[in-house]
Protein backbone atom coordinates (compact mmCIF):
# COMPACT_ATOMS: atom_id res chain seq x y z
CA MET A 1 -0.01 -0.15 0.23
CA SER A 2 1.62 3.32 -0.75
CA SER A 3 1.39 6.25 1.51
CA LYS A 4 0.75 9.14 -1.47
CA LYS A 5 -2.44 8.17 -2.37
CA THR A 6 -4.11 10.49 -5.07
CA VAL A 7 -7.51 11.77 -4.49
CA THR A 8 -9.22 12.39 -7.39
CA LYS A 9 -12.01 14.56 -6.03
CA GLY A 10 -10.06 17.98 -6.15
CA LYS A 11 -7.12 19.71 -7.96
CA CYS A 12 -4.09 21.74 -6.58
CA PRO A 13 -5.56 25.38 -6.10
CA LEU A 14 -1.45 26.26 -6.95
CA CYS A 15 -0.89 24.36 -9.89
CA GLY A 16 -3.86 22.53 -10.85
CA ALA A 17 -2.46 18.91 -10.41
CA PRO A 18 -4.61 16.24 -8.47
CA THR A 19 -4.46 16.32 -4.72
CA GLN A 20 -2.53 13.74 -2.66
CA ALA A 21 -4.25 12.82 0.73
CA GLU A 22 -1.29 13.70 2.65
CA PHE A 23 -1.28 17.46 1.45
CA ARG A 24 -4.66 18.26 0.70
CA PRO A 25 -6.01 20.21 -0.61
CA PHE A 26 -2.42 20.48 -2.33
CA CYS A 27 -0.53 18.17 -4.38
CA SER A 28 2.69 18.00 -2.98
CA ARG A 29 4.73 19.53 0.08
CA GLY A 30 6.14 21.95 -2.40
CA CYS A 31 2.94 23.49 -3.23
CA ARG A 32 2.10 23.46 0.26
CA ASP A 33 4.91 25.66 1.81
CA ARG A 34 4.38 27.67 -1.49
CA ASP A 35 1.13 28.97 -0.20
CA LEU A 36 2.52 29.25 3.04
CA LEU A 37 4.90 31.72 2.10
CA ASN A 38 2.26 33.44 0.12
CA TRP A 39 0.11 34.22 3.56
CA LEU A 40 3.14 35.11 5.57
CA GLY A 41 4.56 37.40 2.50
CA ASP A 42 1.05 39.33 2.03
CA ALA A 43 0.59 37.92 -1.46
CA TYR A 44 -3.09 37.35 -0.28
CA ARG A 45 -3.69 40.78 0.90
CA LEU A 46 -6.75 42.58 0.07
CA PRO A 47 -6.66 46.26 -0.90
CA GLY A 48 -8.06 48.62 1.52
CA LYS A 49 -7.88 52.12 3.18
CA ASN A 50 -4.46 53.56 3.71
CA LEU A 51 -4.36 53.63 7.65
CA GLN A 52 -1.32 56.13 7.73
CA ALA A 53 -3.31 58.75 5.96
CA ASP A 54 -6.26 58.47 8.77
CA ASP A 55 -3.70 58.90 11.47
CA ALA A 56 -3.06 62.38 10.02
CA ASP A 57 -6.42 63.71 10.64
CA PHE A 58 -5.95 63.57 14.60
CA ASP A 59 -3.13 65.45 14.74
């Protein structure tokens, strides 16, 4: 029995390859780690108001 089974229900959100049960929802450790680095590096941030501009109103 193989420890890395392919899960056919989904595809990796980063590269589109079939997911692996061990790394679900990703296909590999590399894609899982790349996603974590995207979160840590603010790659997934949403645009919003500049808070520093709002602070100038309170001077």
